[in-house]
Amino acid sequence: MKILAGNSNRPLAEAIASYVDLPLVKADIRRFSDNEIFVEIFENVRGEDVFVIQSTSYPANDHVMELLITIDALRRASARRITAVIPYFGYARQDRKPGPRTPISAKLVANLITVAGADRVLTMDLHAGQIQGFFDIPTDNLFAAPVLVEDMKEHYGLDNLMIVSPDVGGVVRARAHAKRLGDGGVPLAIVDKRREKPGESEVMNIIGEVEGRSCILVDDIVDTAGTLCNAADALMRAGAVSVSAYVAHGVLSGKALERVENSSLKELVVTDSIKATDTIRACRKIRYITIAPLIGEAMNRISTESSVSDLFN
């Protein structure tokens, strides 16, 4: 097995390499003066099982192209098998046509990765599970839930805990987290956003008794943080003792940091699937936990043709 890292999340790639006890392949992924991407691999990969680690996060287009060109370079260098390890799969929120004359960009990106020469894909917490079916090659979709739940157990008491979905669409995910906590799980609540009349602002309805509870919001992606922060404020108004949030992917764009800082959130915990900027690291309410052991173990099992199923538990 050989591991090659793109430029999107070098710290995570190094942590994964450390977990599997292998050095990263020496390579150069750089830009020409006109900003074209060029990849040069300095080690022999002929006949090797190669894993390319690259989240397609901001700037998504650059990181997608880096991944595609790297896969092409490995294919032309006669690598035996190429696995695209994409901890955060960008464009995943464009998984269907929201209206007429619009694309399904997630399917297009899946096609590009396949045509570039990838033999399989390893990713985590796809925004929509059906994206696995967009690929014509084997695709393993890991879940951050085991990592997130272990951290919850370390930092929060279970007696007064309640898991909350920030919207109706995330109920299945939130329920899965709630069931993992304790022998019988913990209670579940839902924040239901609705407009009673056109033109009126959204009303946050809390489904579940949150008064006196320590609430944890669970979601797959936090982008501008509007939904998450509004949900936290609504929970506090409903009598929650405290509100924290656990999210698999911290995109954190736009005014996200400002919203988090000024919200009722006690803390926002995200994984390192996306590289944190210095500004994000400086935010006192945001804490990172690593998925390097989860990804690294999956890579080990794929390389040795072992089962990955246990990692879902």
Protein backbone atom coordinates (compact mmCIF):
# COMPACT_ATOMS: atom_id res chain seq x y z
CA MET A 1 0.00 0.00 0.00
CA LYS A 2 1.15 3.51 -0.84
CA ILE A 3 -0.45 6.80 0.23
CA LEU A 4 -0.40 10.01 -1.77
CA ALA A 5 -1.75 13.31 -0.43
CA GLY A 6 -3.32 16.16 -2.35
CA ASN A 7 -3.13 19.76 -1.18
CA SER A 8 -6.63 20.04 0.27
CA ASN A 9 -5.94 18.56 3.73
CA ARG A 10 -2.29 17.72 4.23
CA PRO A 11 -2.52 17.52 8.07
CA LEU A 12 -5.21 14.82 7.89
CA ALA A 13 -3.23 12.89 5.27
CA GLU A 14 -0.14 12.98 7.49
CA ALA A 15 -2.18 11.77 10.49
CA ILE A 16 -3.61 8.89 8.43
CA ALA A 17 -0.12 7.97 7.19
CA SER A 18 1.09 7.96 10.79
CA TYR A 19 -1.79 5.66 11.81
CA VAL A 20 -1.02 3.09 9.10
CA ASP A 21 2.72 3.54 9.75
CA LEU A 22 3.64 4.42 6.17
CA PRO A 23 5.31 7.50 4.68
CA LEU A 24 3.49 9.65 2.15
CA VAL A 25 4.59 9.15 -1.45
CA LYS A 26 6.90 11.93 -2.58
CA ALA A 27 5.05 13.98 -5.16
CA ASP A 28 4.68 17.55 -6.35
CA ILE A 29 1.25 19.02 -7.07
CA ARG A 30 1.81 22.54 -8.26
CA ARG A 31 0.49 25.32 -10.49
CA PHE A 32 1.94 26.69 -13.70
CA SER A 33 2.02 30.46 -14.17
CA ASP A 34 -1.41 30.34 -15.86
CA ASN A 35 -2.75 28.36 -12.85
CA GLU A 36 -2.97 25.01 -14.64
CA ILE A 37 -2.40 22.08 -12.28
CA PHE A 38 0.59 19.79 -12.77
CA VAL A 39 1.31 16.56 -10.88
CA GLU A 40 4.66 14.79 -10.70
CA ILE A 41 5.20 11.59 -8.70
CA PHE A 42 8.78 10.90 -7.62
CA GLU A 43 8.41 7.25 -6.57
CA ASN A 44 7.74 4.04 -8.45
CA VAL A 45 4.06 3.05 -8.07
CA ARG A 46 3.94 0.32 -10.73
CA GLY A 47 1.80 -2.57 -9.48
CA GLU A 48 1.06 -0.79 -6.19
CA ASP A 49 -2.20 -0.36 -4.28
CA VAL A 50 -2.36 3.45 -4.06
CA PHE A 51 -4.66 5.60 -1.91
CA VAL A 52 -5.05 9.27 -2.87
CA ILE A 53 -6.28 11.42 0.03
CA GLN A 54 -8.06 14.56 -1.13
CA SER A 55 -11.14 16.31 0.26
CA THR A 56 -12.92 18.28 -2.45
CA SER A 57 -13.54 21.24 -0.16
CA TYR A 58 -13.02 24.96 -0.86
CA PRO A 59 -11.77 25.80 -3.43
CA ALA A 60 -13.78 22.82 -4.65
CA ASN A 61 -13.01 23.12 -8.35
CA ASP A 62 -9.23 23.27 -7.80
CA HIS A 63 -9.28 20.31 -5.44
CA VAL A 64 -11.46 18.23 -7.76
CA MET A 65 -9.05 18.88 -10.64
CA GLU A 66 -6.06 18.04 -8.44
CA LEU A 67 -7.69 14.71 -7.59
CA LEU A 68 -8.53 13.90 -11.21
CA ILE A 69 -5.07 14.76 -12.53
CA THR A 70 -3.38 12.82 -9.72
CA ILE A 71 -5.49 9.75 -10.48
CA ASP A 72 -4.61 10.09 -14.17
CA ALA A 73 -0.89 10.32 -13.32
CA LEU A 74 -1.12 7.16 -11.20
CA ARG A 75 -3.04 5.28 -13.89
CA ARG A 76 -0.41 6.19 -16.49
CA ALA A 77 2.29 5.10 -14.02
CA SER A 78 0.71 1.60 -13.97
CA ALA A 79 -0.59 1.60 -10.39
CA ARG A 80 -2.41 -1.70 -9.81
CA ARG A 81 -5.35 -0.19 -7.93
CA ILE A 82 -6.23 3.43 -7.19
CA THR A 83 -8.56 4.34 -4.33
CA ALA A 84 -9.79 7.93 -4.13
CA VAL A 85 -10.04 8.73 -0.41
CA ILE A 86 -12.39 11.71 -0.21
CA PRO A 87 -13.15 12.49 3.46
CA TYR A 88 -15.42 15.37 2.39
CA PHE A 89 -17.13 14.93 -0.98
CA GLY A 90 -17.82 18.38 -2.41
CA TYR A 91 -20.84 18.93 -4.70
CA ALA A 92 -22.73 16.31 -2.65
CA ARG A 93 -25.52 18.78 -1.94
CA GLN A 94 -26.23 18.93 -5.67
CA ASP A 95 -27.57 15.39 -5.72
CA ARG A 96 -30.86 16.07 -7.54
CA LYS A 97 -32.51 18.58 -9.86
CA PRO A 98 -34.02 21.34 -7.68
CA GLY A 99 -35.79 22.80 -10.70
CA PRO A 100 -35.93 22.71 -14.49
CA ARG A 101 -32.70 23.12 -16.50
CA THR A 102 -30.42 22.47 -13.52
CA PRO A 103 -27.58 19.92 -13.22
CA ILE A 104 -26.98 16.97 -10.93
CA SER A 105 -23.40 17.96 -10.21
CA ALA A 106 -22.71 15.17 -7.72
CA LYS A 107 -23.29 12.63 -10.50
CA LEU A 108 -21.01 14.56 -12.86
CA VAL A 109 -18.17 14.60 -10.32
CA ALA A 110 -18.67 10.87 -9.71
CA ASN A 111 -18.38 10.25 -13.45
CA LEU A 112 -15.21 12.36 -13.67
CA ILE A 113 -13.52 10.42 -10.86
CA THR A 114 -14.43 7.11 -12.51
CA VAL A 115 -13.30 8.16 -15.99
CA ALA A 116 -10.03 9.56 -14.59
CA GLY A 117 -9.15 6.00 -13.56
CA ALA A 118 -10.12 5.45 -9.92
CA ASP A 119 -10.89 1.82 -9.06
CA ARG A 120 -12.81 2.56 -5.87
CA VAL A 121 -13.84 5.43 -3.60
CA LEU A 122 -13.65 5.78 0.17
CA THR A 123 -15.60 8.70 1.61
CA MET A 124 -17.40 9.72 4.79
CA ASP A 125 -20.90 10.96 5.61
CA LEU A 126 -22.16 11.68 2.12
CA HIS A 127 -24.86 14.35 2.28
CA ALA A 128 -27.21 11.94 0.51
CA GLY A 129 -26.62 8.20 0.76
CA GLN A 130 -27.82 7.59 -2.79
CA ILE A 131 -24.68 9.30 -4.11
CA GLN A 132 -23.01 5.91 -3.60
CA GLY A 133 -25.12 4.78 -6.54
CA PHE A 134 -23.77 7.59 -8.72
CA PHE A 135 -20.47 5.71 -8.95
CA ASP A 136 -19.96 2.72 -11.23
CA ILE A 137 -17.07 1.56 -9.02
CA PRO A 138 -17.11 0.20 -5.43
CA THR A 139 -17.76 3.04 -2.97
CA ASP A 140 -17.48 2.83 0.82
CA ASN A 141 -19.33 5.54 2.73
CA LEU A 142 -18.04 5.62 6.30
CA PHE A 143 -19.86 7.39 9.13
CA ALA A 144 -18.31 9.75 11.66
CA ALA A 145 -20.94 8.70 14.23
CA PRO A 146 -18.67 6.30 16.19
CA VAL A 147 -16.03 9.02 16.55
CA LEU A 148 -18.55 11.72 17.45
CA VAL A 149 -20.43 9.53 19.93
CA GLU A 150 -17.23 8.54 21.77
CA ASP A 151 -16.40 12.23 22.18
CA MET A 152 -19.92 12.93 23.48
CA LYS A 153 -19.49 10.20 26.09
CA GLU A 154 -16.20 11.72 27.22
CA HIS A 155 -17.52 15.27 27.57
CA TYR A 156 -21.20 14.93 28.52
CA GLY A 157 -23.18 13.01 31.12
CA LEU A 158 -25.86 10.77 29.63
CA ASP A 159 -28.47 11.23 32.38
CA ASN A 160 -29.72 14.60 31.18
CA LEU A 161 -28.65 14.41 27.53
CA MET A 162 -30.91 14.81 24.50
CA ILE A 163 -29.94 14.50 20.83
CA VAL A 164 -31.62 17.00 18.52
CA SER A 165 -32.03 17.06 14.75
CA PRO A 166 -31.83 20.67 13.46
CA ASP A 167 -34.41 19.85 10.77
CA VAL A 168 -36.84 17.12 9.78
CA GLY A 169 -34.50 15.84 7.05
CA GLY A 170 -31.82 14.88 9.58
CA VAL A 171 -34.00 12.76 11.87
CA VAL A 172 -32.56 9.40 10.75
CA ARG A 173 -29.01 10.62 11.39
CA ALA A 174 -29.89 12.07 14.80
CA ARG A 175 -31.73 8.89 15.83
CA ALA A 176 -28.68 6.80 14.92
CA HIS A 177 -26.53 8.92 17.24
CA ALA A 178 -29.12 8.81 20.03
CA LYS A 179 -29.27 4.99 19.91
CA ARG A 180 -25.48 4.71 20.30
CA LEU A 181 -25.46 6.62 23.60
CA GLY A 182 -25.94 4.33 26.59
CA ASP A 183 -27.66 0.95 26.73
CA GLY A 184 -31.11 2.23 25.82
CA GLY A 185 -30.02 5.34 23.98
CA VAL A 186 -31.03 8.90 24.88
CA PRO A 187 -34.17 10.88 23.98
CA LEU A 188 -34.53 12.56 20.60
CA ALA A 189 -36.01 15.94 19.70
CA ILE A 190 -36.57 17.65 16.34
CA VAL A 191 -36.51 21.29 15.31
CA ASP A 192 -39.25 21.82 12.74
CA LYS A 193 -38.93 24.98 10.63
CA ARG A 194 -42.05 26.25 8.95
CA ARG A 195 -43.67 29.38 7.55
CA GLU A 196 -47.30 29.69 8.59
CA LYS A 197 -48.02 32.25 5.85
CA PRO A 198 -46.12 33.43 2.74
CA GLY A 199 -43.88 36.37 3.54
CA GLU A 200 -43.69 35.61 7.26
CA SER A 201 -40.41 34.65 8.91
CA GLU A 202 -39.74 30.99 9.74
CA VAL A 203 -41.07 29.68 13.03
CA MET A 204 -39.01 27.12 14.97
CA ASN A 205 -41.23 24.43 16.47
CA ILE A 206 -39.56 22.04 18.90
CA ILE A 207 -40.88 18.47 18.76
CA GLY A 208 -39.93 16.91 22.07
CA GLU A 209 -39.54 18.07 25.68
CA VAL A 210 -36.18 19.85 25.93
CA GLU A 211 -36.74 21.83 29.12
CA GLY A 212 -33.99 21.14 31.63
CA ARG A 213 -32.01 19.07 29.12
CA SER A 214 -28.45 19.34 27.83
CA CYS A 215 -29.07 19.27 24.08
CA ILE A 216 -26.70 18.19 21.32
CA LEU A 217 -27.54 19.11 17.74
CA VAL A 218 -26.30 16.57 15.18
CA ASP A 219 -25.81 17.25 11.46
CA ASP A 220 -23.63 16.16 8.55
CA ILE A 221 -22.55 19.61 7.26
CA VAL A 222 -22.28 23.04 8.83
CA ASP A 223 -21.81 25.64 6.09
CA THR A 224 -23.02 29.16 6.89
CA ALA A 225 -24.27 27.88 10.29
CA GLY A 226 -27.61 29.70 10.00
CA THR A 227 -29.81 26.65 10.58
CA LEU A 228 -27.63 25.34 13.41
CA CYS A 229 -27.43 28.64 15.30
CA ASN A 230 -31.14 29.39 14.88
CA ALA A 231 -31.94 25.91 16.19
CA ALA A 232 -29.65 26.45 19.19
CA ASP A 233 -31.35 29.75 20.02
CA ALA A 234 -34.79 28.12 19.73
CA LEU A 235 -33.77 25.28 22.06
CA MET A 236 -32.52 27.71 24.69
CA ARG A 237 -35.78 29.66 24.49
CA ALA A 238 -37.61 26.36 25.02
CA GLY A 239 -35.78 25.81 28.31
CA ALA A 240 -32.70 23.76 27.40
CA VAL A 241 -29.87 23.99 29.96
CA SER A 242 -27.20 24.07 27.25
CA VAL A 243 -26.86 23.44 23.53
CA SER A 244 -23.82 22.02 21.73
CA ALA A 245 -23.46 20.73 18.18
CA TYR A 246 -21.60 17.81 16.61
CA VAL A 247 -21.12 17.92 12.84
CA ALA A 248 -19.19 15.63 10.50
CA HIS A 249 -18.02 18.29 8.02
CA GLY A 250 -17.12 21.85 8.99
CA VAL A 251 -17.40 23.86 5.76
CA LEU A 252 -17.86 27.08 7.76
CA SER A 253 -18.18 29.62 4.96
CA GLY A 254 -19.58 33.15 4.80
CA LYS A 255 -20.53 34.54 8.21
CA ALA A 256 -20.44 31.14 9.91
CA LEU A 257 -17.82 32.04 12.51
CA GLU A 258 -19.61 35.25 13.46
CA ARG A 259 -22.89 33.38 13.81
CA VAL A 260 -21.34 30.64 15.95
CA GLU A 261 -19.62 33.15 18.24
CA ASN A 262 -22.82 35.15 18.74
CA SER A 263 -25.17 32.16 19.07
CA SER A 264 -26.40 30.21 22.08
CA LEU A 265 -24.10 27.30 21.18
CA LYS A 266 -21.85 26.18 24.02
CA GLU A 267 -19.50 24.58 21.51
CA LEU A 268 -19.40 23.28 17.94
CA VAL A 269 -17.48 20.03 17.47
CA VAL A 270 -16.44 19.08 13.93
CA THR A 271 -14.13 16.48 12.42
CA ASP A 272 -10.97 17.30 10.50
CA SER A 273 -12.39 16.08 7.17
CA ILE A 274 -11.86 19.67 5.97
CA LYS A 275 -8.67 21.54 6.83
CA ALA A 276 -9.29 24.32 9.35
CA THR A 277 -8.04 27.82 8.59
CA ASP A 278 -6.16 29.78 11.25
CA THR A 279 -9.24 31.98 11.71
CA ILE A 280 -11.42 28.95 12.40
CA ARG A 281 -8.85 27.50 14.79
CA ALA A 282 -8.93 30.77 16.73
CA CYS A 283 -12.69 30.55 17.29
CA ARG A 284 -13.14 29.71 20.97
CA LYS A 285 -16.39 27.80 20.41
CA ILE A 286 -15.12 25.41 17.72
CA ARG A 287 -13.32 22.19 18.61
CA TYR A 288 -11.87 19.63 16.19
CA ILE A 289 -11.66 15.85 16.57
CA THR A 290 -9.76 13.63 14.16
CA ILE A 291 -11.07 10.92 11.86
CA ALA A 292 -7.55 9.75 10.95
CA PRO A 293 -7.87 6.38 12.78
CA LEU A 294 -11.28 5.74 11.17
CA ILE A 295 -10.03 6.47 7.64
CA GLY A 296 -6.70 4.76 8.24
CA GLU A 297 -8.32 1.57 9.52
CA ALA A 298 -10.66 1.50 6.51
CA MET A 299 -7.68 1.87 4.17
CA ASN A 300 -5.86 -0.97 5.93
CA ARG A 301 -8.87 -3.25 5.54
CA ILE A 302 -9.41 -2.36 1.89
CA SER A 303 -5.75 -3.01 1.14
CA THR A 304 -5.85 -6.43 2.83
CA GLU A 305 -9.26 -7.31 1.31
CA SER A 306 -10.82 -7.41 4.80
CA SER A 307 -14.34 -6.36 5.78
CA VAL A 308 -15.03 -2.67 6.35
CA SER A 309 -18.50 -3.32 7.81
CA ASP A 310 -17.35 -3.35 11.45
CA LEU A 311 -16.29 0.29 11.13
CA PHE A 312 -19.93 1.31 10.68
CA ASN A 313 -20.54 0.19 14.27
